[in-house]
């Protein structure tokens, strides 16, 4: 186990999904990863364990964990975000967007994020 020395740079960074996930992993799962870089390395090294932990963290089915991580960690989508999606309307990653609370918008003026491809994380 490593000691937790990393801290977010400011209040805004402290409430970003990656920082919250790091705190949750340490508190709930007993997995104190050192920083966001260590989180990404763990996700690449053990995608099955990451998917299980992320699914529990997000309260979603494990099958949605990888695409949901892309939305939540890759783009920082928050439950009140509206995504202008210009990609494939049948992309299964859109289910993961809904699972973490994001919604689609067809109005560019209302969108907080605009994407053509689903985000990938890490």
Protein backbone atom coordinates (compact mmCIF):
# COMPACT_ATOMS: atom_id res chain seq x y z
CA UNK A 1 0.00 0.00 0.00
CA UNK A 2 1.20 3.47 -0.77
CA UNK A 3 0.71 6.49 1.39
CA UNK A 4 -1.70 9.12 0.16
CA UNK A 5 0.30 12.27 -0.54
CA UNK A 6 -1.40 13.56 -3.68
CA UNK A 7 -3.98 16.26 -3.22
CA UNK A 8 -6.00 18.07 -5.87
CA UNK A 9 -4.59 21.45 -6.87
CA UNK A 10 -7.76 23.37 -6.02
CA UNK A 11 -11.38 23.03 -4.93
CA UNK A 12 -12.59 22.49 -8.47
CA UNK A 13 -10.15 19.61 -9.01
CA UNK A 14 -11.14 18.12 -5.65
CA UNK A 15 -14.70 17.48 -6.81
CA UNK A 16 -13.77 16.10 -10.22
CA UNK A 17 -14.73 12.48 -10.76
CA UNK A 18 -11.16 11.16 -10.73
CA UNK A 19 -10.41 12.73 -7.35
CA UNK A 20 -13.71 11.51 -5.89
CA UNK A 21 -13.07 8.00 -7.24
CA UNK A 22 -9.58 7.98 -5.69
CA UNK A 23 -11.05 8.90 -2.31
CA UNK A 24 -13.81 6.30 -2.65
CA UNK A 25 -11.34 3.55 -3.58
CA UNK A 26 -9.23 4.34 -0.51
CA UNK A 27 -12.16 4.67 1.90
CA UNK A 28 -14.49 1.91 0.67
CA UNK A 29 -12.24 -0.56 -1.10
CA UNK A 30 -9.04 -0.06 0.92
CA UNK A 31 -7.13 0.72 -2.27
CA UNK A 32 -5.18 3.93 -1.65
CA UNK A 33 -3.79 4.77 -5.09
CA UNK A 34 -1.21 7.54 -5.03
CA UNK A 35 -2.65 9.85 -7.70
CA UNK A 36 -4.63 9.96 -10.97
CA UNK A 37 -1.65 8.51 -12.85
CA UNK A 38 -1.68 5.47 -10.55
CA UNK A 39 -5.45 5.16 -11.04
CA UNK A 40 -5.04 5.06 -14.83
CA UNK A 41 -2.15 2.58 -14.57
CA UNK A 42 -4.27 0.27 -12.37
CA UNK A 43 -7.20 0.49 -14.81
CA UNK A 44 -4.92 -0.54 -17.70
CA UNK A 45 -3.14 -3.26 -15.69
CA UNK A 46 -6.27 -4.88 -14.25
CA UNK A 47 -9.31 -3.83 -16.30
CA UNK A 48 -11.53 -6.49 -14.71
CA UNK A 49 -10.88 -5.27 -11.16
CA UNK A 50 -11.20 -1.66 -12.28
CA UNK A 51 -14.54 -2.39 -13.99
CA UNK A 52 -15.90 -4.10 -10.88
CA UNK A 53 -14.79 -1.25 -8.61
CA UNK A 54 -16.02 1.47 -10.97
CA UNK A 55 -19.38 -0.25 -11.38
CA UNK A 56 -19.79 -0.32 -7.60
CA UNK A 57 -18.68 3.32 -7.33
CA UNK A 58 -21.09 4.50 -10.03
CA UNK A 59 -23.93 2.15 -9.07
CA UNK A 60 -24.14 0.70 -12.58
CA UNK A 61 -23.95 -2.78 -14.12
CA UNK A 62 -20.35 -3.98 -14.63
CA UNK A 63 -20.96 -4.29 -18.39
CA UNK A 64 -21.32 -0.50 -18.56
CA UNK A 65 -18.23 0.25 -16.45
CA UNK A 66 -15.70 0.75 -19.26
CA UNK A 67 -17.81 3.12 -21.40
CA UNK A 68 -19.17 4.90 -18.32
CA UNK A 69 -15.62 5.51 -17.12
CA UNK A 70 -14.96 7.13 -20.47
CA UNK A 71 -17.86 9.52 -19.97
CA UNK A 72 -17.32 10.26 -16.28
CA UNK A 73 -13.52 10.24 -16.12
CA UNK A 74 -12.62 10.93 -19.75
CA UNK A 75 -14.88 13.94 -20.25
CA UNK A 76 -15.91 14.79 -16.71
CA UNK A 77 -19.63 14.55 -17.45
CA UNK A 78 -21.72 15.50 -14.45
CA UNK A 79 -25.37 14.56 -13.88
CA UNK A 80 -26.55 17.99 -15.02
CA UNK A 81 -24.48 17.97 -18.24
CA UNK A 82 -26.13 17.90 -21.64
CA UNK A 83 -24.10 16.30 -24.42
CA UNK A 84 -24.47 17.28 -28.05
CA UNK A 85 -23.76 13.92 -29.72
CA UNK A 86 -22.79 13.99 -33.37
CA UNK A 87 -21.73 10.34 -33.49
CA UNK A 88 -23.54 7.09 -34.21
CA UNK A 89 -26.98 7.29 -32.58
CA UNK A 90 -26.91 3.53 -31.83
CA UNK A 91 -23.51 3.57 -30.10
CA UNK A 92 -23.77 1.43 -26.93
CA UNK A 93 -21.62 3.98 -25.07
CA UNK A 94 -24.69 6.24 -24.96
CA UNK A 95 -26.24 3.85 -22.43
CA UNK A 96 -23.24 4.48 -20.19
CA UNK A 97 -23.75 8.24 -20.53
CA UNK A 98 -27.30 7.83 -19.27
CA UNK A 99 -26.15 5.48 -16.50
CA UNK A 100 -23.91 8.13 -14.96
CA UNK A 101 -26.57 10.82 -15.27
CA UNK A 102 -25.62 12.73 -18.41
CA UNK A 103 -28.24 13.45 -21.03
CA UNK A 104 -28.28 14.14 -24.73
CA UNK A 105 -29.18 17.47 -26.28
CA UNK A 106 -29.95 18.33 -29.88
CA UNK A 107 -29.57 22.04 -29.18
CA UNK A 108 -25.95 23.27 -29.43
CA UNK A 109 -26.77 26.29 -27.29
CA UNK A 110 -27.79 24.02 -24.38
CA UNK A 111 -24.91 21.54 -24.69
CA UNK A 112 -22.08 21.57 -22.18
CA UNK A 113 -20.05 18.96 -24.12
CA UNK A 114 -19.96 18.22 -27.86
CA UNK A 115 -18.60 14.88 -29.11
CA UNK A 116 -18.43 12.80 -32.29
CA UNK A 117 -16.91 9.71 -30.66
CA UNK A 118 -17.44 8.16 -27.23
CA UNK A 119 -14.66 9.08 -24.82
CA UNK A 120 -12.19 6.40 -23.84
CA UNK A 121 -10.53 6.16 -20.44
CA UNK A 122 -7.75 5.56 -19.51
